[in-house]
Amino acid sequence: MSIQVQVTADGMAADEDRALFQEMVRRILQQEVAPDYEAWEEAHQLPRELWHRLGAAGLLGVDLPESLGGSAAGVEICLMICEEISRQGFGGLASGYNIHANIVMPYVLHLGTNAQQKQWLPRMASGEVLGAIAMTEPGAGSDLAAMRTTADKVDGGWKLNGAKVFITNGQLAEMVIVCAKTDPRAGAHGVSLFLVDTTLPGFARGKSIRKIGQHASDTAELFFDDLIVPDDALLGEAGKGFAYLMQELPRERLGVGAQALGAIEGALELTLEYVQERRAFGQRIADFQNTRFSLAQVRAELEMGRAYFNQCLQRYRADQMSVMDAATLKLMLSEMQCRSIDRCLQLFGGYGYTLEYPISRFYVDARIQTIYAGTSEIMKEVIARDMLGRVA
């Protein structure tokens, strides 16, 4: 099964095709993911073959030009897939998909040369190449200016040394965008980006990091020991890496927002079904005022969050979505996801704390959303700086 999307003159998917596409995505996920997802969660790893199947189904690179293996659909289609994966309770896959299709591929499309695009993007769209991005370091966290991974200029290329941690898709990726210091004296202005082929000598992976949630999403530590990459592995210009990261943040955080909306929707569907079937004290759980008010609150917040998400999406499409917009969206929706799913789980009582009920996975998968792609605290600082400036 392969997906094709008709687009209107402004690049948006036509309404009827959008609805058809969403239904096809649901069917593909039920066919290719749902039967085995529990086993993948227990294995703490998605099978590499899954990405080939998703590529063959047309779910990877949907907003790439057709000449590069995509469907030339709008960014909203890629975000819809993120949301639908999350809605079905596949939080680990949603994060891996967001990294590969909604972050790494746009970096290459927006910043890469024609040769780099042709080298990587068609194979990423087919699933032959899985992508990851390596920013966070063991001693730096959110402070990218403090990163210690270096890239020194050598004849014909660059020599990378350092380590990265918490890298989604890190165990399976064939290509990793690596952030490294090319001018250690320049702080954030000395950061550059490199397209690193993981088969090169000097590249190594640590063991998978076990997490409390999103088990199917592998998370790895990566090491670079005198790793030589050619000159044409530099993505964009040297020293502009931090600016490129800021440029791409809005789309990254739209992806996190789409995951949050999908997860809230999926958890709410499960809860609505449960409270109408489960009885206590002679009546349905759904008939207690606390239940009704709790679920009304979740629904109201979900609708408000979706409205702001759609507003940000329109701004992004018009190239008007600011870093502050992205921070506000990421803060609001990730925190809302944790709060809303906590309310839903509470209505399951003791069953909500068991692995037998999928609401428990929605709960543990949500927690990382307030941490990766910029913690809630960093988001608040970004918003505060927009209003008040930096601390003197």
Protein backbone atom coordinates (compact mmCIF):
# COMPACT_ATOMS: atom_id res chain seq x y z
CA MET A 1 0.00 0.00 0.00
CA SER A 2 1.43 3.39 -0.97
CA ILE A 3 0.09 6.85 -0.23
CA GLN A 4 -0.26 9.68 -2.71
CA VAL A 5 -1.68 13.08 -1.78
CA GLN A 6 -3.20 15.66 -4.09
CA VAL A 7 -2.39 19.22 -3.08
CA THR A 8 -4.05 22.55 -3.79
CA ALA A 9 -2.31 25.55 -5.36
CA ASP A 10 -1.03 26.74 -1.96
CA GLY A 11 0.52 23.36 -1.20
CA MET A 12 -2.15 22.27 1.29
CA ALA A 13 -3.68 18.84 0.97
CA ALA A 14 -7.21 18.95 -0.44
CA ASP A 15 -9.79 18.29 2.27
CA GLU A 16 -11.14 15.10 0.73
CA ASP A 17 -7.65 13.73 0.13
CA ARG A 18 -6.59 14.71 3.64
CA ALA A 19 -9.45 12.69 5.15
CA LEU A 20 -8.69 9.74 2.87
CA PHE A 21 -5.01 9.96 3.75
CA GLN A 22 -5.72 9.93 7.48
CA GLU A 23 -7.86 6.83 7.15
CA MET A 24 -5.15 5.11 5.13
CA VAL A 25 -2.56 5.98 7.77
CA ARG A 26 -4.79 4.44 10.43
CA ARG A 27 -5.14 1.25 8.44
CA ILE A 28 -1.41 1.02 7.76
CA LEU A 29 -0.60 1.44 11.45
CA GLN A 30 -3.14 -1.19 12.42
CA GLN A 31 -1.69 -3.56 9.84
CA GLU A 32 2.04 -2.90 10.26
CA VAL A 33 2.40 -1.79 13.89
CA ALA A 34 -0.48 -2.78 16.17
CA PRO A 35 -0.06 -6.60 16.02
CA ASP A 36 3.57 -6.50 17.23
CA TYR A 37 3.90 -3.30 19.21
CA GLU A 38 3.67 -4.94 22.63
CA ALA A 39 6.55 -7.25 21.71
CA TRP A 40 8.61 -4.28 20.53
CA GLU A 41 7.93 -2.49 23.81
CA GLU A 42 9.17 -5.54 25.72
CA ALA A 43 12.25 -5.74 23.47
CA HIS A 44 12.94 -2.01 23.97
CA GLN A 45 13.56 -1.75 20.23
CA LEU A 46 11.67 -1.27 17.00
CA PRO A 47 12.70 -3.71 14.26
CA ARG A 48 14.78 -2.12 11.53
CA GLU A 49 12.49 -3.70 8.92
CA LEU A 50 9.58 -1.58 10.17
CA TRP A 51 11.12 1.54 8.66
CA HIS A 52 11.36 -0.19 5.27
CA ARG A 53 7.67 -1.08 5.52
CA LEU A 54 6.68 2.46 6.49
CA GLY A 55 8.73 3.79 3.58
CA ALA A 56 7.11 1.37 1.15
CA ALA A 57 3.70 2.51 2.43
CA GLY A 58 4.60 6.12 1.66
CA LEU A 59 4.62 7.40 5.24
CA LEU A 60 8.21 8.68 5.23
CA GLY A 61 9.10 11.95 3.53
CA VAL A 62 5.53 12.79 2.54
CA ASP A 63 6.33 16.51 2.19
CA LEU A 64 9.52 15.99 0.17
CA PRO A 65 9.46 16.84 -3.54
CA GLU A 66 8.61 13.86 -5.72
CA SER A 67 12.09 14.09 -7.28
CA LEU A 68 13.54 13.22 -3.87
CA GLY A 69 11.18 10.34 -3.15
CA GLY A 70 8.33 12.22 -1.45
CA SER A 71 4.70 12.97 -2.21
CA ALA A 72 5.02 16.78 -2.33
CA ALA A 73 2.33 17.10 0.34
CA GLY A 74 2.31 19.84 2.96
CA VAL A 75 3.98 19.78 6.36
CA GLU A 76 0.54 19.27 7.91
CA ILE A 77 0.46 15.74 6.46
CA CYS A 78 3.71 14.78 8.18
CA LEU A 79 2.37 16.23 11.44
CA MET A 80 -0.89 14.34 10.97
CA ILE A 81 1.08 11.09 10.84
CA CYS A 82 2.91 12.04 14.06
CA GLU A 83 -0.44 12.70 15.69
CA GLU A 84 -2.06 9.50 14.47
CA ILE A 85 0.84 7.31 15.61
CA SER A 86 0.60 8.92 19.03
CA ARG A 87 -3.21 8.63 19.14
CA GLN A 88 -2.97 4.88 18.66
CA GLY A 89 -0.71 4.64 21.70
CA PHE A 90 2.59 4.08 19.90
CA GLY A 91 4.50 6.81 21.73
CA GLY A 92 7.94 5.34 21.14
CA LEU A 93 7.34 5.04 17.41
CA ALA A 94 5.91 8.56 17.33
CA SER A 95 9.14 9.99 18.73
CA GLY A 96 11.29 7.97 16.35
CA TYR A 97 9.14 9.03 13.40
CA ASN A 98 9.23 12.68 14.49
CA ILE A 99 13.03 12.61 14.61
CA HIS A 100 13.44 10.87 11.26
CA ALA A 101 10.71 12.41 9.10
CA ASN A 102 9.87 15.71 10.79
CA ILE A 103 13.31 16.85 11.97
CA VAL A 104 16.27 15.18 10.24
CA MET A 105 14.81 15.11 6.74
CA PRO A 106 13.78 18.80 6.80
CA TYR A 107 17.30 19.74 8.00
CA VAL A 108 18.78 18.05 4.93
CA LEU A 109 16.10 19.50 2.63
CA HIS A 110 16.45 23.06 3.92
CA LEU A 111 20.21 23.21 4.50
CA GLY A 112 21.76 20.55 2.29
CA THR A 113 23.38 20.91 -1.08
CA ASN A 114 21.80 19.23 -4.10
CA ALA A 115 24.33 16.45 -3.78
CA GLN A 116 23.57 15.94 -0.07
CA GLN A 117 19.84 15.90 -0.73
CA LYS A 118 20.20 13.31 -3.49
CA GLN A 119 22.58 11.23 -1.40
CA TRP A 120 20.35 10.94 1.64
CA LEU A 121 16.71 11.95 1.14
CA PRO A 122 15.44 9.33 -1.35
CA ARG A 123 16.90 6.57 0.85
CA MET A 124 15.40 8.15 3.96
CA ALA A 125 12.01 8.31 2.25
CA SER A 126 12.21 4.62 1.34
CA GLY A 127 13.35 3.62 4.82
CA GLU A 128 16.73 2.40 3.60
CA VAL A 129 18.40 5.05 5.77
CA LEU A 130 17.15 5.91 9.26
CA GLY A 131 18.09 9.32 10.62
CA ALA A 132 18.95 10.72 14.05
CA ILE A 133 20.18 14.05 15.37
CA ALA A 134 22.86 14.31 18.06
CA MET A 135 22.85 17.49 20.14
CA THR A 136 22.68 16.59 23.85
CA GLU A 137 25.88 15.68 25.68
CA PRO A 138 26.44 13.98 29.05
CA GLY A 139 27.72 17.17 30.66
CA ALA A 140 25.83 19.83 28.73
CA GLY A 141 22.11 18.97 28.54
CA SER A 142 20.14 21.94 27.21
CA ASP A 143 23.23 24.20 27.22
CA LEU A 144 24.34 23.73 23.62
CA ALA A 145 26.98 26.44 23.96
CA ALA A 146 28.74 24.20 26.50
CA MET A 147 29.04 21.19 24.19
CA ARG A 148 32.47 19.56 24.11
CA THR A 149 32.25 17.50 20.92
CA THR A 150 34.74 19.03 18.50
CA ALA A 151 35.30 18.96 14.75
CA ASP A 152 38.83 19.94 13.70
CA LYS A 153 39.66 20.76 10.10
CA VAL A 154 41.99 18.27 8.46
CA ASP A 155 43.04 17.67 4.87
CA GLY A 156 39.95 16.79 2.87
CA GLY A 157 37.54 16.83 5.77
CA TRP A 158 36.92 17.14 9.51
CA LYS A 159 37.96 15.06 12.52
CA LEU A 160 35.24 14.57 15.15
CA ASN A 161 35.84 13.69 18.79
CA GLY A 162 33.32 13.57 21.61
CA ALA A 163 30.15 11.91 22.86
CA LYS A 164 26.39 12.45 22.71
CA VAL A 165 23.63 11.04 24.92
CA PHE A 166 19.86 10.45 24.79
CA ILE A 167 19.89 10.07 21.00
CA THR A 168 16.56 8.80 19.65
CA ASN A 169 17.03 6.24 16.84
CA GLY A 170 20.68 6.13 17.90
CA GLN A 171 20.99 2.34 17.83
CA LEU A 172 19.64 1.87 14.31
CA ALA A 173 20.43 5.10 12.46
CA GLU A 174 22.56 4.96 9.33
CA MET A 175 22.99 8.74 9.30
CA VAL A 176 23.26 11.13 12.24
CA ILE A 177 23.31 14.93 12.14
CA VAL A 178 26.04 15.73 14.66
CA CYS A 179 26.44 19.13 16.34
CA ALA A 180 30.09 19.89 17.05
CA LYS A 181 32.32 22.82 17.95
CA THR A 182 34.42 23.96 15.00
CA ASP A 183 35.54 27.06 16.92
CA PRO A 184 35.65 26.32 20.66
CA ARG A 185 36.36 29.97 21.47
CA ALA A 186 33.19 31.26 19.82
CA GLY A 187 30.59 29.73 22.14
CA ALA A 188 27.26 29.10 20.42
CA HIS A 189 28.60 30.82 17.31
CA GLY A 190 31.27 28.15 16.90
CA VAL A 191 28.83 25.24 16.39
CA SER A 192 28.57 23.42 13.05
CA LEU A 193 26.44 20.53 11.78
CA PHE A 194 27.73 17.38 10.06
CA LEU A 195 26.00 14.55 8.20
CA VAL A 196 27.74 11.52 9.68
CA ASP A 197 27.61 8.11 8.01
CA THR A 198 27.50 5.68 10.93
CA THR A 199 29.55 3.05 9.05
CA LEU A 200 32.67 5.23 9.20
CA PRO A 201 35.60 4.15 11.40
CA GLY A 202 35.60 5.97 14.72
CA PHE A 203 31.82 5.90 15.17
CA ALA A 204 30.53 3.78 18.07
CA ARG A 205 27.28 3.25 19.95
CA GLY A 206 26.85 2.58 23.64
CA LYS A 207 24.24 0.19 24.97
CA SER A 208 20.60 1.24 24.77
CA ILE A 209 19.43 3.50 27.58
CA ARG A 210 16.46 1.99 29.44
CA LYS A 211 13.67 4.49 30.12
CA ILE A 212 10.47 4.55 32.17
CA GLY A 213 8.40 5.05 29.03
CA GLN A 214 8.55 5.03 25.21
CA HIS A 215 10.31 1.67 25.48
CA ALA A 216 10.07 0.85 21.78
CA SER A 217 12.02 4.00 20.94
CA ASP A 218 15.70 3.13 21.23
CA THR A 219 17.80 5.78 22.95
CA ALA A 220 21.57 5.58 22.71
CA GLU A 221 24.84 7.18 23.66
CA LEU A 222 27.09 7.84 20.65
CA PHE A 223 30.87 8.19 20.55
CA PHE A 224 33.22 9.78 18.01
CA ASP A 225 36.89 8.84 18.25
CA ASP A 226 39.00 10.58 15.60
CA LEU A 227 36.09 10.09 13.20
CA ILE A 228 37.00 11.55 9.83
CA VAL A 229 34.16 12.87 7.66
CA PRO A 230 34.70 14.40 4.20
CA ASP A 231 34.34 18.10 3.48
CA ASP A 232 30.96 17.49 1.87
CA ALA A 233 29.60 16.15 5.17
CA LEU A 234 29.37 19.73 6.51
CA LEU A 235 25.68 20.71 6.53
CA GLY A 236 25.30 24.37 5.65
CA GLU A 237 28.14 26.70 6.59
CA ALA A 238 30.70 26.26 9.34
CA GLY A 239 29.88 28.21 12.50
CA LYS A 240 26.20 28.63 11.69
CA GLY A 241 24.96 25.48 13.38
CA PHE A 242 23.32 27.24 16.31
CA ALA A 243 21.43 29.55 13.94
CA TYR A 244 20.29 26.53 11.93
CA LEU A 245 19.05 24.84 15.11
CA MET A 246 17.01 27.93 15.98
CA GLN A 247 15.67 28.04 12.42
CA GLU A 248 14.41 24.46 12.58
CA LEU A 249 13.05 24.56 16.16
CA PRO A 250 9.52 25.64 15.17
CA ARG A 251 8.96 22.50 13.10
CA GLU A 252 10.52 20.27 15.74
CA ARG A 253 8.19 21.67 18.39
CA LEU A 254 5.18 21.42 16.09
CA GLY A 255 6.00 17.71 15.96
CA VAL A 256 6.03 17.47 19.75
CA GLY A 257 2.73 19.33 19.79
CA ALA A 258 1.20 16.92 17.29
CA GLN A 259 2.31 14.00 19.44
CA ALA A 260 0.72 15.63 22.49
CA LEU A 261 -2.61 16.21 20.76
CA GLY A 262 -2.71 12.66 19.44
CA ALA A 263 -1.88 11.17 22.84
CA ILE A 264 -4.54 13.21 24.63
CA GLU A 265 -7.11 12.20 22.02
CA GLY A 266 -6.15 8.53 22.29
CA ALA A 267 -6.21 8.52 26.10
CA LEU A 268 -9.55 10.30 26.13
CA GLU A 269 -11.06 7.72 23.76
CA LEU A 270 -9.93 4.88 26.01
CA THR A 271 -11.27 6.63 29.09
CA LEU A 272 -14.66 7.44 27.60
CA GLU A 273 -15.10 3.79 26.69
CA TYR A 274 -14.00 2.56 30.11
CA VAL A 275 -16.13 4.88 32.28
CA GLN A 276 -19.27 3.95 30.34
CA GLU A 277 -18.68 0.21 30.89
CA ARG A 278 -17.31 0.13 34.44
CA ARG A 279 -19.76 0.34 37.34
CA ALA A 280 -19.34 1.26 41.00
CA PHE A 281 -21.85 1.93 43.79
CA GLY A 282 -24.71 0.91 41.54
CA GLN A 283 -24.00 3.23 38.63
CA ARG A 284 -21.62 3.76 35.75
CA ILE A 285 -18.36 5.57 36.50
CA ALA A 286 -19.51 7.95 33.77
CA ASP A 287 -22.47 9.02 35.90
CA PHE A 288 -20.39 10.47 38.73
CA GLN A 289 -20.07 14.23 38.57
CA ASN A 290 -16.32 14.04 39.20
CA THR A 291 -15.93 11.86 36.12
CA ARG A 292 -18.00 14.13 33.94
CA PHE A 293 -16.22 17.29 35.11
CA SER A 294 -12.77 15.72 34.75
CA LEU A 295 -13.42 14.58 31.19
CA ALA A 296 -15.06 17.90 30.29
CA GLN A 297 -11.89 19.65 31.43
CA VAL A 298 -9.73 17.38 29.28
CA ARG A 299 -11.92 17.94 26.23
CA ALA A 300 -12.03 21.71 26.67
CA GLU A 301 -8.26 21.97 27.07
CA LEU A 302 -7.73 19.68 24.07
CA GLU A 303 -9.86 21.89 21.83
CA MET A 304 -8.06 25.05 23.00
CA GLY A 305 -4.68 23.39 22.47
CA ARG A 306 -5.63 22.26 18.98
CA ALA A 307 -6.74 25.76 18.07
CA TYR A 308 -3.36 27.19 19.06
CA PHE A 309 -1.55 24.34 17.29
CA ASN A 310 -3.45 25.12 14.07
CA GLN A 311 -2.64 28.81 14.46
CA CYS A 312 1.06 28.00 14.84
CA LEU A 313 0.91 25.65 11.84
CA GLN A 314 -0.49 28.45 9.69
CA ARG A 315 2.25 30.76 10.92
CA TYR A 316 4.85 28.13 10.10
CA ARG A 317 3.52 27.67 6.59
CA ALA A 318 3.71 31.46 6.12
CA ASP A 319 7.27 31.48 7.53
CA GLN A 320 6.04 33.59 10.45
CA MET A 321 6.29 31.17 13.38
CA SER A 322 8.73 32.60 15.89
CA VAL A 323 10.95 30.87 18.45
CA MET A 324 8.63 32.29 21.11
CA ASP A 325 5.58 30.80 19.36
CA ALA A 326 7.33 27.43 19.29
CA ALA A 327 8.27 27.65 22.97
CA THR A 328 4.73 28.56 23.96
CA LEU A 329 3.27 25.69 21.95
CA LYS A 330 5.74 23.15 23.27
CA LEU A 331 5.31 24.25 26.88
CA MET A 332 1.52 24.38 26.75
CA LEU A 333 0.84 21.13 24.90
CA SER A 334 3.44 18.92 26.58
CA GLU A 335 2.35 20.02 30.05
CA MET A 336 -1.30 19.62 29.01
CA GLN A 337 -0.56 16.10 27.80
CA CYS A 338 0.84 15.03 31.18
CA ARG A 339 -1.97 16.72 33.10
CA SER A 340 -4.78 15.39 30.91
CA ILE A 341 -3.57 11.81 30.80
CA ASP A 342 -3.07 11.87 34.56
CA ARG A 343 -6.75 12.83 34.90
CA CYS A 344 -7.74 10.01 32.55
CA LEU A 345 -5.67 7.38 34.34
CA GLN A 346 -7.18 8.38 37.69
CA LEU A 347 -10.62 7.38 36.43
CA PHE A 348 -9.40 3.83 35.81
CA GLY A 349 -8.65 3.42 39.52
CA GLY A 350 -6.25 0.57 40.28
CA TYR A 351 -6.56 -0.79 36.76
CA GLY A 352 -4.93 2.36 35.44
CA TYR A 353 -1.74 1.40 37.26
CA THR A 354 -1.51 -1.99 35.59
CA LEU A 355 0.17 -2.86 32.32
CA GLU A 356 -3.00 -4.70 31.28
CA TYR A 357 -4.67 -1.41 30.40
CA PRO A 358 -3.07 0.71 27.64
CA ILE A 359 -3.84 3.94 29.53
CA SER A 360 -0.75 3.15 31.63
CA ARG A 361 1.49 3.36 28.56
CA PHE A 362 -0.04 6.67 27.55
CA TYR A 363 0.86 7.87 31.04
CA VAL A 364 4.53 6.85 31.11
CA ASP A 365 5.09 7.79 27.45
CA ALA A 366 3.88 11.33 28.13
CA ARG A 367 6.45 12.27 30.75
CA ILE A 368 9.41 12.73 28.38
CA GLN A 369 7.48 15.28 26.30
CA THR A 370 8.17 18.00 28.89
CA ILE A 371 11.90 17.22 28.77
CA TYR A 372 13.14 16.56 25.23
CA ALA A 373 13.11 19.22 22.49
CA GLY A 374 13.69 21.77 25.28
CA THR A 375 12.51 21.32 28.87
CA SER A 376 9.49 23.19 30.19
CA GLU A 377 11.88 25.34 32.23
CA ILE A 378 13.86 26.32 29.13
CA MET A 379 10.59 27.10 27.32
CA LYS A 380 9.56 29.43 30.15
CA GLU A 381 12.93 31.16 29.97
CA VAL A 382 12.57 31.66 26.20
CA ILE A 383 9.11 33.19 26.70
CA ALA A 384 10.34 35.36 29.58
CA ARG A 385 13.25 36.66 27.50
CA ASP A 386 10.84 37.66 24.77
CA MET A 387 8.95 39.79 27.30
CA LEU A 388 11.70 40.95 29.64
CA GLY A 389 15.03 40.40 27.95
CA ARG A 390 17.95 38.44 29.37
CA VAL A 391 18.89 38.52 33.02
CA ALA A 392 21.56 41.17 33.55
